[in-house]
Amino acid sequence: MRLSRRQTQIVELIADCYSGKEIARTLNVSPKTVESHVQRLFDRCGVRNRAGLVAKWMTKAA
């Protein structure tokens, strides 16, 4: 799965158990921006939650 630099940052932070607000603070963006990125990632990867996203990302990265 090929992700943009920002998408990769977000998935890595999700994998490290950051909340949406924590990700927003870390990346200096709004929580709504993070939600939009996460939803696009869900749609792109065909998953419904953060756990599924991380699992899919980890299997594709291996």
PDB file of N, CA and C in Angstrom:
ATOM      1  N   MET A   1       0.852  -1.171   0.000  1.00  0.00           N
ATOM      2  CA  MET A   1       0.000   0.000   0.000  1.00  0.00           C
ATOM      3  C   MET A   1       0.902   1.241   0.000  1.00  0.00           C
ATOM      4  N   ARG A   2       0.782   2.046  -1.015  1.00  0.00           N
ATOM      5  CA  ARG A   2       1.583   3.256  -1.155  1.00  0.00           C
ATOM      6  C   ARG A   2       0.826   4.438  -0.545  1.00  0.00           C
ATOM      7  N   LEU A   3       1.439   5.071   0.461  1.00  0.00           N
ATOM      8  CA  LEU A   3       0.815   6.201   1.141  1.00  0.00           C
ATOM      9  C   LEU A   3       1.672   7.443   0.989  1.00  0.00           C
ATOM     10  N   SER A   4       1.014   8.593   1.065  1.00  0.00           N
ATOM     11  CA  SER A   4       1.759   9.846   1.054  1.00  0.00           C
ATOM     12  C   SER A   4       2.520   9.979   2.374  1.00  0.00           C
ATOM     13  N   ARG A   5       3.424  10.933   2.406  1.00  0.00           N
ATOM     14  CA  ARG A   5       4.202  11.161   3.632  1.00  0.00           C
ATOM     15  C   ARG A   5       3.265  11.471   4.806  1.00  0.00           C
ATOM     16  N   ARG A   6       2.271  12.329   4.593  1.00  0.00           N
ATOM     17  CA  ARG A   6       1.335  12.704   5.661  1.00  0.00           C
ATOM     18  C   ARG A   6       0.506  11.502   6.101  1.00  0.00           C
ATOM     19  N   GLN A   7       0.028  10.724   5.151  1.00  0.00           N
ATOM     20  CA  GLN A   7      -0.754   9.536   5.492  1.00  0.00           C
ATOM     21  C   GLN A   7       0.080   8.556   6.304  1.00  0.00           C
ATOM     22  N   THR A   8       1.337   8.392   5.923  1.00  0.00           N
ATOM     23  CA  THR A   8       2.227   7.507   6.670  1.00  0.00           C
ATOM     24  C   THR A   8       2.423   8.019   8.087  1.00  0.00           C
ATOM     25  N   GLN A   9       2.600   9.322   8.243  1.00  0.00           N
ATOM     26  CA  GLN A   9       2.756   9.904   9.584  1.00  0.00           C
ATOM     27  C   GLN A   9       1.524   9.600  10.426  1.00  0.00           C
ATOM     28  N   ILE A  10       0.358   9.775   9.840  1.00  0.00           N
ATOM     29  CA  ILE A  10      -0.887   9.557  10.588  1.00  0.00           C
ATOM     30  C   ILE A  10      -1.031   8.092  10.984  1.00  0.00           C
ATOM     31  N   VAL A  11      -0.774   7.173  10.068  1.00  0.00           N
ATOM     32  CA  VAL A  11      -0.896   5.745  10.397  1.00  0.00           C
ATOM     33  C   VAL A  11       0.115   5.361  11.476  1.00  0.00           C
ATOM     34  N   GLU A  12       1.320   5.882  11.391  1.00  0.00           N
ATOM     35  CA  GLU A  12       2.326   5.585  12.423  1.00  0.00           C
ATOM     36  C   GLU A  12       1.875   6.088  13.790  1.00  0.00           C
ATOM     37  N   LEU A  13       1.289   7.272  13.836  1.00  0.00           N
ATOM     38  CA  LEU A  13       0.816   7.810  15.112  1.00  0.00           C
ATOM     39  C   LEU A  13      -0.384   7.019  15.633  1.00  0.00           C
ATOM     40  N   ILE A  14      -1.258   6.589  14.733  1.00  0.00           N
ATOM     41  CA  ILE A  14      -2.378   5.736  15.147  1.00  0.00           C
ATOM     42  C   ILE A  14      -1.830   4.432  15.728  1.00  0.00           C
ATOM     43  N   ALA A  15      -0.823   3.867  15.082  1.00  0.00           N
ATOM     44  CA  ALA A  15      -0.216   2.622  15.568  1.00  0.00           C
ATOM     45  C   ALA A  15       0.418   2.817  16.950  1.00  0.00           C
ATOM     46  N   ASP A  16       0.865   4.050  17.234  1.00  0.00           N
ATOM     47  CA  ASP A  16       1.437   4.362  18.549  1.00  0.00           C
ATOM     48  C   ASP A  16       0.368   4.781  19.555  1.00  0.00           C
ATOM     49  N   CYS A  17      -0.905   4.563  19.209  1.00  0.00           N
ATOM     50  CA  CYS A  17      -2.059   4.805  20.088  1.00  0.00           C
ATOM     51  C   CYS A  17      -2.334   6.279  20.360  1.00  0.00           C
ATOM     52  N   TYR A  18      -1.981   7.143  19.432  1.00  0.00           N
ATOM     53  CA  TYR A  18      -2.328   8.558  19.575  1.00  0.00           C
ATOM     54  C   TYR A  18      -3.799   8.743  19.232  1.00  0.00           C
ATOM     55  N   SER A  19      -4.453   9.644  19.942  1.00  0.00           N
ATOM     56  CA  SER A  19      -5.841   9.995  19.621  1.00  0.00           C
ATOM     57  C   SER A  19      -5.831  10.981  18.459  1.00  0.00           C
ATOM     58  N   GLY A  20      -7.004  11.262  17.919  1.00  0.00           N
ATOM     59  CA  GLY A  20      -7.099  12.232  16.837  1.00  0.00           C
ATOM     60  C   GLY A  20      -6.593  13.603  17.258  1.00  0.00           C
ATOM     61  N   LYS A  21      -6.933  14.022  18.468  1.00  0.00           N
ATOM     62  CA  LYS A  21      -6.479  15.324  18.967  1.00  0.00           C
ATOM     63  C   LYS A  21      -4.973  15.355  19.164  1.00  0.00           C
ATOM     64  N   GLU A  22      -4.415  14.256  19.652  1.00  0.00           N
ATOM     65  CA  GLU A  22      -2.960  14.182  19.828  1.00  0.00           C
ATOM     66  C   GLU A  22      -2.236  14.221  18.485  1.00  0.00           C
ATOM     67  N   ILE A  23      -2.805  13.542  17.501  1.00  0.00           N
ATOM     68  CA  ILE A  23      -2.213  13.572  16.165  1.00  0.00           C
ATOM     69  C   ILE A  23      -2.259  14.995  15.618  1.00  0.00           C
ATOM     70  N   ALA A  24      -3.399  15.658  15.791  1.00  0.00           N
ATOM     71  CA  ALA A  24      -3.545  17.033  15.311  1.00  0.00           C
ATOM     72  C   ALA A  24      -2.506  17.953  15.954  1.00  0.00           C
ATOM     73  N   ARG A  25      -2.316  17.830  17.259  1.00  0.00           N
ATOM     74  CA  ARG A  25      -1.311  18.660  17.944  1.00  0.00           C
ATOM     75  C   ARG A  25       0.092  18.342  17.455  1.00  0.00           C
ATOM     76  N   THR A  26       0.393  17.065  17.289  1.00  0.00           N
ATOM     77  CA  THR A  26       1.726  16.637  16.848  1.00  0.00           C
ATOM     78  C   THR A  26       2.045  17.150  15.446  1.00  0.00           C
ATOM     79  N   LEU A  27       1.066  17.104  14.563  1.00  0.00           N
ATOM     80  CA  LEU A  27       1.284  17.489  13.166  1.00  0.00           C
ATOM     81  C   LEU A  27       0.912  18.950  12.892  1.00  0.00           C
ATOM     82  N   ASN A  28       0.447  19.644  13.924  1.00  0.00           N
ATOM     83  CA  ASN A  28       0.071  21.058  13.809  1.00  0.00           C
ATOM     84  C   ASN A  28      -1.015  21.282  12.746  1.00  0.00           C
ATOM     85  N   VAL A  29      -2.051  20.449  12.824  1.00  0.00           N
ATOM     86  CA  VAL A  29      -3.223  20.576  11.958  1.00  0.00           C
ATOM     87  C   VAL A  29      -4.459  20.491  12.845  1.00  0.00           C
ATOM     88  N   SER A  30      -5.626  20.745  12.272  1.00  0.00           N
ATOM     89  CA  SER A  30      -6.852  20.673  13.064  1.00  0.00           C
ATOM     90  C   SER A  30      -7.300  19.222  13.222  1.00  0.00           C
ATOM     91  N   PRO A  31      -8.043  18.938  14.287  1.00  0.00           N
ATOM     92  CA  PRO A  31      -8.586  17.583  14.455  1.00  0.00           C
ATOM     93  C   PRO A  31      -9.474  17.165  13.278  1.00  0.00           C
ATOM     94  N   LYS A  32     -10.192  18.111  12.680  1.00  0.00           N
ATOM     95  CA  LYS A  32     -11.039  17.800  11.517  1.00  0.00           C
ATOM     96  C   LYS A  32     -10.194  17.337  10.330  1.00  0.00           C
ATOM     97  N   THR A  33      -9.022  17.933  10.162  1.00  0.00           N
ATOM     98  CA  THR A  33      -8.120  17.523   9.088  1.00  0.00           C
ATOM     99  C   THR A  33      -7.665  16.090   9.316  1.00  0.00           C
ATOM    100  N   VAL A  34      -7.349  15.769  10.561  1.00  0.00           N
ATOM    101  CA  VAL A  34      -6.944  14.400  10.893  1.00  0.00           C
ATOM    102  C   VAL A  34      -8.093  13.438  10.603  1.00  0.00           C
ATOM    103  N   GLU A  35      -9.310  13.802  11.014  1.00  0.00           N
ATOM    104  CA  GLU A  35     -10.474  12.944  10.766  1.00  0.00           C
ATOM    105  C   GLU A  35     -10.656  12.696   9.271  1.00  0.00           C
ATOM    106  N   SER A  36     -10.453  13.742   8.465  1.00  0.00           N
ATOM    107  CA  SER A  36     -10.593  13.596   7.014  1.00  0.00           C
ATOM    108  C   SER A  36      -9.549  12.638   6.455  1.00  0.00           C
ATOM    109  N   HIS A  37      -8.311  12.790   6.897  1.00  0.00           N
ATOM    110  CA  HIS A  37      -7.247  11.890   6.449  1.00  0.00           C
ATOM    111  C   HIS A  37      -7.555  10.452   6.849  1.00  0.00           C
ATOM    112  N   VAL A  38      -7.974  10.265   8.085  1.00  0.00           N
ATOM    113  CA  VAL A  38      -8.256   8.915   8.585  1.00  0.00           C
ATOM    114  C   VAL A  38      -9.407   8.289   7.799  1.00  0.00           C
ATOM    115  N   GLN A  39     -10.453   9.057   7.535  1.00  0.00           N
ATOM    116  CA  GLN A  39     -11.584   8.511   6.778  1.00  0.00           C
ATOM    117  C   GLN A  39     -11.167   8.132   5.368  1.00  0.00           C
ATOM    118  N   ARG A  40     -10.347   8.953   4.737  1.00  0.00           N
ATOM    119  CA  ARG A  40      -9.855   8.623   3.394  1.00  0.00           C
ATOM    120  C   ARG A  40      -9.000   7.355   3.421  1.00  0.00           C
ATOM    121  N   LEU A  41      -8.215   7.208   4.474  1.00  0.00           N
ATOM    122  CA  LEU A  41      -7.406   6.003   4.624  1.00  0.00           C
ATOM    123  C   LEU A  41      -8.288   4.774   4.806  1.00  0.00           C
ATOM    124  N   PHE A  42      -9.346   4.899   5.618  1.00  0.00           N
ATOM    125  CA  PHE A  42     -10.289   3.786   5.797  1.00  0.00           C
ATOM    126  C   PHE A  42     -10.867   3.376   4.440  1.00  0.00           C
ATOM    127  N   ASP A  43     -11.333   4.365   3.686  1.00  0.00           N
ATOM    128  CA  ASP A  43     -11.954   4.085   2.388  1.00  0.00           C
ATOM    129  C   ASP A  43     -10.948   3.454   1.429  1.00  0.00           C
ATOM    130  N   ARG A  44      -9.759   4.006   1.390  1.00  0.00           N
ATOM    131  CA  ARG A  44      -8.729   3.523   0.470  1.00  0.00           C
ATOM    132  C   ARG A  44      -8.314   2.088   0.793  1.00  0.00           C
ATOM    133  N   CYS A  45      -8.250   1.772   2.080  1.00  0.00           N
ATOM    134  CA  CYS A  45      -7.777   0.454   2.504  1.00  0.00           C
ATOM    135  C   CYS A  45      -8.901  -0.552   2.694  1.00  0.00           C
ATOM    136  N   GLY A  46     -10.142  -0.089   2.603  1.00  0.00           N
ATOM    137  CA  GLY A  46     -11.272  -0.992   2.766  1.00  0.00           C
ATOM    138  C   GLY A  46     -11.436  -1.502   4.184  1.00  0.00           C
ATOM    139  N   VAL A  47     -11.162  -0.633   5.159  1.00  0.00           N
ATOM    140  CA  VAL A  47     -11.307  -1.005   6.568  1.00  0.00           C
ATOM    141  C   VAL A  47     -12.317  -0.073   7.229  1.00  0.00           C
ATOM    142  N   ARG A  48     -12.746  -0.451   8.435  1.00  0.00           N
ATOM    143  CA  ARG A  48     -13.774   0.322   9.128  1.00  0.00           C
ATOM    144  C   ARG A  48     -13.310   0.948  10.432  1.00  0.00           C
ATOM    145  N   ASN A  49     -12.090   0.620  10.860  1.00  0.00           N
ATOM    146  CA  ASN A  49     -11.614   1.175  12.125  1.00  0.00           C
ATOM    147  C   ASN A  49     -10.095   1.281  12.128  1.00  0.00           C
ATOM    148  N   ARG A  50      -9.578   1.925  13.178  1.00  0.00           N
ATOM    149  CA  ARG A  50      -8.139   2.163  13.280  1.00  0.00           C
ATOM    150  C   ARG A  50      -7.338   0.864  13.392  1.00  0.00           C
ATOM    151  N   ALA A  51      -7.879  -0.100  14.105  1.00  0.00           N
ATOM    152  CA  ALA A  51      -7.170  -1.379  14.253  1.00  0.00           C
ATOM    153  C   ALA A  51      -7.004  -2.058  12.897  1.00  0.00           C
ATOM    154  N   GLY A  52      -8.061  -2.038  12.093  1.00  0.00           N
ATOM    155  CA  GLY A  52      -7.988  -2.620  10.761  1.00  0.00           C
ATOM    156  C   GLY A  52      -6.998  -1.886   9.870  1.00  0.00           C
ATOM    157  N   LEU A  53      -6.968  -0.571  10.013  1.00  0.00           N
ATOM    158  CA  LEU A  53      -6.030   0.250   9.234  1.00  0.00           C
ATOM    159  C   LEU A  53      -4.593  -0.104   9.579  1.00  0.00           C
ATOM    160  N   VAL A  54      -4.296  -0.169  10.855  1.00  0.00           N
ATOM    161  CA  VAL A  54      -2.926  -0.479  11.291  1.00  0.00           C
ATOM    162  C   VAL A  54      -2.543  -1.890  10.869  1.00  0.00           C
ATOM    163  N   ALA A  55      -3.466  -2.840  11.015  1.00  0.00           N
ATOM    164  CA  ALA A  55      -3.170  -4.229  10.626  1.00  0.00           C
ATOM    165  C   ALA A  55      -2.862  -4.310   9.133  1.00  0.00           C
ATOM    166  N   LYS A  56      -3.663  -3.639   8.329  1.00  0.00           N
ATOM    167  CA  LYS A  56      -3.446  -3.669   6.889  1.00  0.00           C
ATOM    168  C   LYS A  56      -2.134  -2.990   6.526  1.00  0.00           C
ATOM    169  N   TRP A  57      -1.835  -1.868   7.163  1.00  0.00           N
ATOM    170  CA  TRP A  57      -0.601  -1.133   6.912  1.00  0.00           C
ATOM    171  C   TRP A  57       0.619  -1.985   7.295  1.00  0.00           C
ATOM    172  N   MET A  58       0.541  -2.670   8.428  1.00  0.00           N
ATOM    173  CA  MET A  58       1.670  -3.479   8.888  1.00  0.00           C
ATOM    174  C   MET A  58       1.901  -4.679   7.960  1.00  0.00           C
ATOM    175  N   THR A  59       0.846  -5.292   7.476  1.00  0.00           N
ATOM    176  CA  THR A  59       1.032  -6.442   6.590  1.00  0.00           C
ATOM    177  C   THR A  59       1.561  -6.019   5.231  1.00  0.00           C
ATOM    178  N   LYS A  60       1.170  -4.855   4.761  1.00  0.00           N
ATOM    179  CA  LYS A  60       1.666  -4.359   3.463  1.00  0.00           C
ATOM    180  C   LYS A  60       3.099  -3.856   3.582  1.00  0.00           C
ATOM    181  N   ALA A  61       3.467  -3.340   4.765  1.00  0.00           N
ATOM    182  CA  ALA A  61       4.819  -2.803   4.976  1.00  0.00           C
ATOM    183  C   ALA A  61       5.846  -3.924   5.156  1.00  0.00           C
ATOM    184  N   ALA A  62       5.368  -5.098   5.564  1.00  0.00           N
ATOM    185  CA  ALA A  62       6.301  -6.206   5.839  1.00  0.00           C
ATOM    186  C   ALA A  62       6.852  -6.831   4.591  1.00  0.00           C
TER     187      ALA A  62
END
